[in-house]
């Protein structure tokens, strides 16, 4: 398998994990609705529901981090970054990854593992609410999320090195579902004239193509 194939494999793993755990939001919404019904209609609130909601949301938030990085969707100062040449972008990214990302995520994995292991060793339960549920399994999400983000970060560093050598960002395994939905909606809309529809669809395709090169940012000026 070549380097591009390895990068796409890592992107695929991060994407699969992120999408799989994003379904926790549906479970969380269901839990909240049931608890609202119990609390205000039946007057029978659940003591540990606050802990459960925190764990569901926290797990979803942490385990979707690698997916967000794979899609290059973390917040950055795009008004400056997007005006830079690809090699300048790659150099800036590489410095930031080495100086801040690698040490920070490594510390997260190390500290998170100790934090979770100590919680497991004493069978820690939540003290936020009465009869609190165990929390050690939730705390193990910290080093797991850190490890996933670290692997994806290594893939991003490799992309930076390739861009510095070639002057172009390597192709990214991009999730284009949202763009495809927009195109489909525009194609069947009765409230958009034909010329505007064609312009909008073409623009969406251009954004999608640019996103394949550098996740919604870097190569729009090429």
C-alpha atoms as a PDB file:
ATOM      1  CA  UNK A   1       0.000   0.000   0.000  1.00  0.00           C
ATOM      2  CA  UNK A   2       1.389   3.422  -0.978  1.00  0.00           C
ATOM      3  CA  UNK A   3       1.498   6.503   1.223  1.00  0.00           C
ATOM      4  CA  UNK A   4      -1.751   7.872  -0.200  1.00  0.00           C
ATOM      5  CA  UNK A   5      -3.468   4.580   0.548  1.00  0.00           C
ATOM      6  CA  UNK A   6      -2.244   4.642   4.152  1.00  0.00           C
ATOM      7  CA  UNK A   7      -3.487   8.209   4.576  1.00  0.00           C
ATOM      8  CA  UNK A   8      -6.903   7.290   3.213  1.00  0.00           C
ATOM      9  CA  UNK A   9      -7.032   4.255   5.499  1.00  0.00           C
ATOM     10  CA  UNK A  10      -6.386   6.454   8.541  1.00  0.00           C
ATOM     11  CA  UNK A  11      -8.958   8.967   7.293  1.00  0.00           C
ATOM     12  CA  UNK A  12     -11.417   6.124   6.852  1.00  0.00           C
ATOM     13  CA  UNK A  13     -10.896   4.827  10.396  1.00  0.00           C
ATOM     14  CA  UNK A  14     -11.345   8.298  11.883  1.00  0.00           C
ATOM     15  CA  UNK A  15     -14.445   8.870   9.772  1.00  0.00           C
ATOM     16  CA  UNK A  16     -15.983   5.523  10.706  1.00  0.00           C
ATOM     17  CA  UNK A  17     -15.401   6.061  14.430  1.00  0.00           C
ATOM     18  CA  UNK A  18     -16.751   9.610  14.298  1.00  0.00           C
ATOM     19  CA  UNK A  19     -19.899   8.647  12.421  1.00  0.00           C
ATOM     20  CA  UNK A  20     -20.496   5.571  14.579  1.00  0.00           C
ATOM     21  CA  UNK A  21     -20.302   7.491  17.849  1.00  0.00           C
ATOM     22  CA  UNK A  22     -22.255  10.449  16.483  1.00  0.00           C
ATOM     23  CA  UNK A  23     -25.333   8.222  16.907  1.00  0.00           C
ATOM     24  CA  UNK A  24     -24.921   8.790  20.636  1.00  0.00           C
ATOM     25  CA  UNK A  25     -26.604  12.146  20.027  1.00  0.00           C
ATOM     26  CA  UNK A  26     -29.784  10.295  19.069  1.00  0.00           C
ATOM     27  CA  UNK A  27     -29.573   8.242  22.262  1.00  0.00           C
ATOM     28  CA  UNK A  28     -28.902  11.398  24.255  1.00  0.00           C
ATOM     29  CA  UNK A  29     -31.924  13.146  22.741  1.00  0.00           C
ATOM     30  CA  UNK A  30     -34.101  10.131  23.546  1.00  0.00           C
ATOM     31  CA  UNK A  31     -32.844   9.992  27.134  1.00  0.00           C
ATOM     32  CA  UNK A  32     -33.506  13.701  27.623  1.00  0.00           C
ATOM     33  CA  UNK A  33     -37.034  13.467  26.209  1.00  0.00           C
ATOM     34  CA  UNK A  34     -37.886  10.485  28.409  1.00  0.00           C
ATOM     35  CA  UNK A  35     -36.506  12.224  31.479  1.00  0.00           C
ATOM     36  CA  UNK A  36     -38.471  15.403  30.751  1.00  0.00           C
ATOM     37  CA  UNK A  37     -41.648  13.327  30.482  1.00  0.00           C
ATOM     38  CA  UNK A  38     -40.891  11.477  33.722  1.00  0.00           C
ATOM     39  CA  UNK A  39     -39.910  14.593  35.617  1.00  0.00           C
ATOM     40  CA  UNK A  40     -42.725  16.956  34.610  1.00  0.00           C
ATOM     41  CA  UNK A  41     -45.580  14.603  33.711  1.00  0.00           C
ATOM     42  CA  UNK A  42     -45.076  11.628  36.040  1.00  0.00           C
ATOM     43  CA  UNK A  43     -43.239  13.567  38.760  1.00  0.00           C
ATOM     44  CA  UNK A  44     -40.719  10.714  38.929  1.00  0.00           C
ATOM     45  CA  UNK A  45     -37.238  12.080  38.079  1.00  0.00           C
ATOM     46  CA  UNK A  46     -34.290   9.717  37.667  1.00  0.00           C
ATOM     47  CA  UNK A  47     -31.447  10.387  40.107  1.00  0.00           C
ATOM     48  CA  UNK A  48     -28.562   9.400  37.831  1.00  0.00           C
ATOM     49  CA  UNK A  49     -29.848  10.873  34.561  1.00  0.00           C
ATOM     50  CA  UNK A  50     -27.590  13.948  34.754  1.00  0.00           C
ATOM     51  CA  UNK A  51     -24.513  11.698  34.887  1.00  0.00           C
ATOM     52  CA  UNK A  52     -25.764   9.614  31.975  1.00  0.00           C
ATOM     53  CA  UNK A  53     -26.347  12.701  29.839  1.00  0.00           C
ATOM     54  CA  UNK A  54     -22.858  14.020  30.585  1.00  0.00           C
ATOM     55  CA  UNK A  55     -21.277  10.684  29.697  1.00  0.00           C
ATOM     56  CA  UNK A  56     -23.176  10.364  26.423  1.00  0.00           C
ATOM     57  CA  UNK A  57     -22.352  13.892  25.304  1.00  0.00           C
ATOM     58  CA  UNK A  58     -18.736  13.706  26.496  1.00  0.00           C
ATOM     59  CA  UNK A  59     -18.114  10.404  24.717  1.00  0.00           C
ATOM     60  CA  UNK A  60     -19.588  11.728  21.476  1.00  0.00           C
ATOM     61  CA  UNK A  61     -17.567  14.940  21.723  1.00  0.00           C
ATOM     62  CA  UNK A  62     -14.253  13.199  22.409  1.00  0.00           C
ATOM     63  CA  UNK A  63     -14.507  10.331  19.924  1.00  0.00           C
ATOM     64  CA  UNK A  64     -15.537  12.613  17.069  1.00  0.00           C
ATOM     65  CA  UNK A  65     -12.320  14.637  17.415  1.00  0.00           C
ATOM     66  CA  UNK A  66     -10.279  12.494  15.027  1.00  0.00           C
ATOM     67  CA  UNK A  67     -13.069  12.605  12.447  1.00  0.00           C
ATOM     68  CA  UNK A  68     -13.156  16.402  12.675  1.00  0.00           C
ATOM     69  CA  UNK A  69      -9.382  16.541  12.143  1.00  0.00           C
ATOM     70  CA  UNK A  70      -9.642  14.139   9.203  1.00  0.00           C
ATOM     71  CA  UNK A  71     -12.145  16.522   7.594  1.00  0.00           C
ATOM     72  CA  UNK A  72      -9.929  19.522   8.431  1.00  0.00           C
ATOM     73  CA  UNK A  73     -12.933  21.007  10.212  1.00  0.00           C
ATOM     74  CA  UNK A  74     -11.320  22.370  13.363  1.00  0.00           C
ATOM     75  CA  UNK A  75     -11.533  26.151  13.745  1.00  0.00           C
ATOM     76  CA  UNK A  76      -8.659  28.170  12.301  1.00  0.00           C
ATOM     77  CA  UNK A  77      -8.054  31.728  11.088  1.00  0.00           C
ATOM     78  CA  UNK A  78      -9.059  30.979   7.493  1.00  0.00           C
ATOM     79  CA  UNK A  79      -9.018  34.635   6.451  1.00  0.00           C
ATOM     80  CA  UNK A  80      -5.210  34.465   6.685  1.00  0.00           C
ATOM     81  CA  UNK A  81      -4.561  30.772   6.130  1.00  0.00           C
ATOM     82  CA  UNK A  82      -6.539  30.493   2.881  1.00  0.00           C
ATOM     83  CA  UNK A  83      -4.521  33.311   1.297  1.00  0.00           C
ATOM     84  CA  UNK A  84      -1.226  31.470   1.798  1.00  0.00           C
ATOM     85  CA  UNK A  85       0.472  29.274  -0.773  1.00  0.00           C
ATOM     86  CA  UNK A  86       0.220  25.508  -0.154  1.00  0.00           C
ATOM     87  CA  UNK A  87       3.871  25.212   0.918  1.00  0.00           C
ATOM     88  CA  UNK A  88       3.446  28.085   3.386  1.00  0.00           C
ATOM     89  CA  UNK A  89       0.333  26.431   4.760  1.00  0.00           C
ATOM     90  CA  UNK A  90       2.156  23.128   5.087  1.00  0.00           C
ATOM     91  CA  UNK A  91       5.130  24.710   6.860  1.00  0.00           C
ATOM     92  CA  UNK A  92       2.873  26.532   9.308  1.00  0.00           C
ATOM     93  CA  UNK A  93       0.848  23.383   9.979  1.00  0.00           C
ATOM     94  CA  UNK A  94       3.989  21.283  10.447  1.00  0.00           C
ATOM     95  CA  UNK A  95       5.472  23.678  13.011  1.00  0.00           C
ATOM     96  CA  UNK A  96       2.220  23.826  14.951  1.00  0.00           C
ATOM     97  CA  UNK A  97       1.824  20.047  14.901  1.00  0.00           C
ATOM     98  CA  UNK A  98       5.365  19.471  16.197  1.00  0.00           C
ATOM     99  CA  UNK A  99       5.433  22.288  18.770  1.00  0.00           C
ATOM    100  CA  UNK A 100       1.890  22.094  20.141  1.00  0.00           C
ATOM    101  CA  UNK A 101      -0.097  19.145  18.822  1.00  0.00           C
ATOM    102  CA  UNK A 102       2.247  16.210  19.476  1.00  0.00           C
ATOM    103  CA  UNK A 103       3.247  17.250  23.041  1.00  0.00           C
ATOM    104  CA  UNK A 104      -0.325  18.230  23.944  1.00  0.00           C
ATOM    105  CA  UNK A 105      -1.985  15.052  22.708  1.00  0.00           C
ATOM    106  CA  UNK A 106       0.800  12.888  24.159  1.00  0.00           C
ATOM    107  CA  UNK A 107       0.201  14.518  27.550  1.00  0.00           C
ATOM    108  CA  UNK A 108      -3.540  13.929  27.139  1.00  0.00           C
ATOM    109  CA  UNK A 109      -3.014  10.218  26.440  1.00  0.00           C
ATOM    110  CA  UNK A 110      -0.562   9.749  29.311  1.00  0.00           C
ATOM    111  CA  UNK A 111      -2.550  11.707  31.896  1.00  0.00           C
ATOM    112  CA  UNK A 112      -5.861  10.314  30.668  1.00  0.00           C
ATOM    113  CA  UNK A 113      -4.624   6.732  31.028  1.00  0.00           C
ATOM    114  CA  UNK A 114      -3.499   7.334  34.612  1.00  0.00           C
ATOM    115  CA  UNK A 115      -6.757   9.126  35.364  1.00  0.00           C
ATOM    116  CA  UNK A 116      -8.857   6.273  33.940  1.00  0.00           C
ATOM    117  CA  UNK A 117      -6.773   3.469  35.468  1.00  0.00           C
ATOM    118  CA  UNK A 118      -7.019   4.958  38.948  1.00  0.00           C
ATOM    119  CA  UNK A 119     -10.772   5.310  38.509  1.00  0.00           C
ATOM    120  CA  UNK A 120     -11.063   1.656  37.440  1.00  0.00           C
ATOM    121  CA  UNK A 121      -8.869   0.397  40.281  1.00  0.00           C
ATOM    122  CA  UNK A 122     -11.214   1.861  42.916  1.00  0.00           C
ATOM    123  CA  UNK A 123     -14.411   1.200  40.923  1.00  0.00           C
ATOM    124  CA  UNK A 124     -15.185   4.911  41.068  1.00  0.00           C
ATOM    125  CA  UNK A 125     -18.810   6.018  40.999  1.00  0.00           C
ATOM    126  CA  UNK A 126     -20.141   9.501  40.378  1.00  0.00           C
ATOM    127  CA  UNK A 127     -20.797  11.679  43.406  1.00  0.00           C
ATOM    128  CA  UNK A 128     -22.671  14.328  41.450  1.00  0.00           C
ATOM    129  CA  UNK A 129     -26.028  12.673  42.037  1.00  0.00           C
ATOM    130  CA  UNK A 130     -27.405  10.135  44.493  1.00  0.00           C
ATOM    131  CA  UNK A 131     -26.694   6.516  43.589  1.00  0.00           C
ATOM    132  CA  UNK A 132     -24.239   7.722  40.943  1.00  0.00           C
ATOM    133  CA  UNK A 133     -23.270   5.294  38.169  1.00  0.00           C
ATOM    134  CA  UNK A 134     -19.686   4.064  37.614  1.00  0.00           C
ATOM    135  CA  UNK A 135     -17.518   6.546  35.717  1.00  0.00           C
ATOM    136  CA  UNK A 136     -14.304   4.637  34.995  1.00  0.00           C
ATOM    137  CA  UNK A 137     -15.541   3.472  31.573  1.00  0.00           C
ATOM    138  CA  UNK A 138     -16.271   7.097  30.678  1.00  0.00           C
ATOM    139  CA  UNK A 139     -12.804   8.204  31.763  1.00  0.00           C
ATOM    140  CA  UNK A 140     -11.219   5.560  29.541  1.00  0.00           C
ATOM    141  CA  UNK A 141     -12.628   7.522  26.599  1.00  0.00           C
ATOM    142  CA  UNK A 142     -10.010  10.206  27.278  1.00  0.00           C
ATOM    143  CA  UNK A 143      -6.883   8.182  26.341  1.00  0.00           C
ATOM    144  CA  UNK A 144      -8.814   6.386  23.592  1.00  0.00           C
ATOM    145  CA  UNK A 145      -9.862   9.668  22.001  1.00  0.00           C
ATOM    146  CA  UNK A 146      -6.325  10.989  22.384  1.00  0.00           C
ATOM    147  CA  UNK A 147      -4.872   7.933  20.644  1.00  0.00           C
ATOM    148  CA  UNK A 148      -7.276   8.296  17.703  1.00  0.00           C
ATOM    149  CA  UNK A 149      -6.480  11.995  17.345  1.00  0.00           C
ATOM    150  CA  UNK A 150      -2.744  11.255  17.566  1.00  0.00           C
ATOM    151  CA  UNK A 151      -2.920   8.724  14.719  1.00  0.00           C
ATOM    152  CA  UNK A 152      -4.868  11.169  12.576  1.00  0.00           C
ATOM    153  CA  UNK A 153      -2.386  13.892  13.507  1.00  0.00           C
ATOM    154  CA  UNK A 154       0.498  11.774  12.249  1.00  0.00           C
ATOM    155  CA  UNK A 155      -1.356  11.432   8.945  1.00  0.00           C
ATOM    156  CA  UNK A 156      -1.713  15.224   8.815  1.00  0.00           C
ATOM    157  CA  UNK A 157       2.021  15.643   9.446  1.00  0.00           C
ATOM    158  CA  UNK A 158       2.752  13.293   6.535  1.00  0.00           C
ATOM    159  CA  UNK A 159       0.462  15.408   4.374  1.00  0.00           C
ATOM    160  CA  UNK A 160       2.432  18.502   5.360  1.00  0.00           C
ATOM    161  CA  UNK A 161       5.722  16.852   4.397  1.00  0.00           C
ATOM    162  CA  UNK A 162       4.319  15.744   1.032  1.00  0.00           C
ATOM    163  CA  UNK A 163       3.034  19.248   0.331  1.00  0.00           C
ATOM    164  CA  UNK A 164       6.419  20.770   1.190  1.00  0.00           C
ATOM    165  CA  UNK A 165       8.071  18.424  -1.307  1.00  0.00           C
ATOM    166  CA  UNK A 166       5.546  18.679  -4.141  1.00  0.00           C
ATOM    167  CA  UNK A 167       3.921  22.072  -3.615  1.00  0.00           C
ATOM    168  CA  UNK A 168       0.442  20.505  -3.612  1.00  0.00           C
ATOM    169  CA  UNK A 169      -1.709  19.011  -0.886  1.00  0.00           C
ATOM    170  CA  UNK A 170      -2.253  15.260  -1.289  1.00  0.00           C
ATOM    171  CA  UNK A 171      -5.789  14.128  -1.939  1.00  0.00           C
ATOM    172  CA  UNK A 172      -7.939  13.888   1.174  1.00  0.00           C
ATOM    173  CA  UNK A 173     -10.623  11.288   1.808  1.00  0.00           C
ATOM    174  CA  UNK A 174     -13.417  13.841   1.994  1.00  0.00           C
ATOM    175  CA  UNK A 175     -16.908  13.273   3.305  1.00  0.00           C
ATOM    176  CA  UNK A 176     -19.010  14.892   0.562  1.00  0.00           C
ATOM    177  CA  UNK A 177     -22.441  13.824   1.770  1.00  0.00           C
ATOM    178  CA  UNK A 178     -23.442  17.371   2.720  1.00  0.00           C
ATOM    179  CA  UNK A 179     -22.440  18.810  -0.656  1.00  0.00           C
ATOM    180  CA  UNK A 180     -24.295  16.004  -2.443  1.00  0.00           C
ATOM    181  CA  UNK A 181     -27.448  16.785  -0.466  1.00  0.00           C
ATOM    182  CA  UNK A 182     -27.200  20.468  -1.395  1.00  0.00           C
ATOM    183  CA  UNK A 183     -26.823  19.599  -5.088  1.00  0.00           C
ATOM    184  CA  UNK A 184     -29.805  17.254  -4.959  1.00  0.00           C
ATOM    185  CA  UNK A 185     -31.976  19.850  -3.241  1.00  0.00           C
ATOM    186  CA  UNK A 186     -31.018  22.515  -5.759  1.00  0.00           C
ATOM    187  CA  UNK A 187     -31.697  20.177  -8.671  1.00  0.00           C
ATOM    188  CA  UNK A 188     -35.282  19.560  -7.532  1.00  0.00           C
ATOM    189  CA  UNK A 189     -36.142  22.983  -6.143  1.00  0.00           C
ATOM    190  CA  UNK A 190     -39.151  24.739  -7.646  1.00  0.00           C
ATOM    191  CA  UNK A 191     -38.161  28.114  -6.199  1.00  0.00           C
ATOM    192  CA  UNK A 192     -34.805  28.558  -7.952  1.00  0.00           C
ATOM    193  CA  UNK A 193     -34.569  29.634 -11.578  1.00  0.00           C
ATOM    194  CA  UNK A 194     -32.577  27.500 -13.997  1.00  0.00           C
ATOM    195  CA  UNK A 195     -29.603  29.847 -14.318  1.00  0.00           C
ATOM    196  CA  UNK A 196     -29.226  30.298 -10.554  1.00  0.00           C
ATOM    197  CA  UNK A 197     -29.563  26.552 -10.078  1.00  0.00           C
ATOM    198  CA  UNK A 198     -26.744  25.821 -12.523  1.00  0.00           C
ATOM    199  CA  UNK A 199     -24.487  28.450 -10.943  1.00  0.00           C
ATOM    200  CA  UNK A 200     -25.145  27.140  -7.444  1.00  0.00           C
ATOM    201  CA  UNK A 201     -24.547  23.500  -8.409  1.00  0.00           C
ATOM    202  CA  UNK A 202     -21.336  24.397 -10.214  1.00  0.00           C
ATOM    203  CA  UNK A 203     -20.168  26.373  -7.205  1.00  0.00           C
ATOM    204  CA  UNK A 204     -20.937  23.436  -4.918  1.00  0.00           C
ATOM    205  CA  UNK A 205     -18.878  21.152  -7.171  1.00  0.00           C
ATOM    206  CA  UNK A 206     -15.974  23.605  -7.106  1.00  0.00           C
ATOM    207  CA  UNK A 207     -16.098  23.732  -3.296  1.00  0.00           C
ATOM    208  CA  UNK A 208     -16.190  19.930  -3.168  1.00  0.00           C
ATOM    209  CA  UNK A 209     -13.177  19.653  -5.467  1.00  0.00           C
ATOM    210  CA  UNK A 210     -11.241  22.194  -3.417  1.00  0.00           C
ATOM    211  CA  UNK A 211     -12.207  20.302  -0.257  1.00  0.00           C
ATOM    212  CA  UNK A 212     -10.710  17.107  -1.670  1.00  0.00           C
ATOM    213  CA  UNK A 213      -7.371  18.893  -1.941  1.00  0.00           C
ATOM    214  CA  UNK A 214      -7.338  20.564   1.443  1.00  0.00           C
ATOM    215  CA  UNK A 215     -10.547  20.176   3.380  1.00  0.00           C
ATOM    216  CA  UNK A 216     -12.448  23.358   2.501  1.00  0.00           C
ATOM    217  CA  UNK A 217      -9.465  25.654   2.606  1.00  0.00           C
ATOM    218  CA  UNK A 218      -6.054  25.610   1.127  1.00  0.00           C
ATOM    219  CA  UNK A 219      -6.145  25.299  -2.631  1.00  0.00           C
ATOM    220  CA  UNK A 220      -9.038  27.559  -3.601  1.00  0.00           C
ATOM    221  CA  UNK A 221      -6.636  30.040  -5.136  1.00  0.00           C
ATOM    222  CA  UNK A 222      -4.741  27.558  -7.319  1.00  0.00           C
END
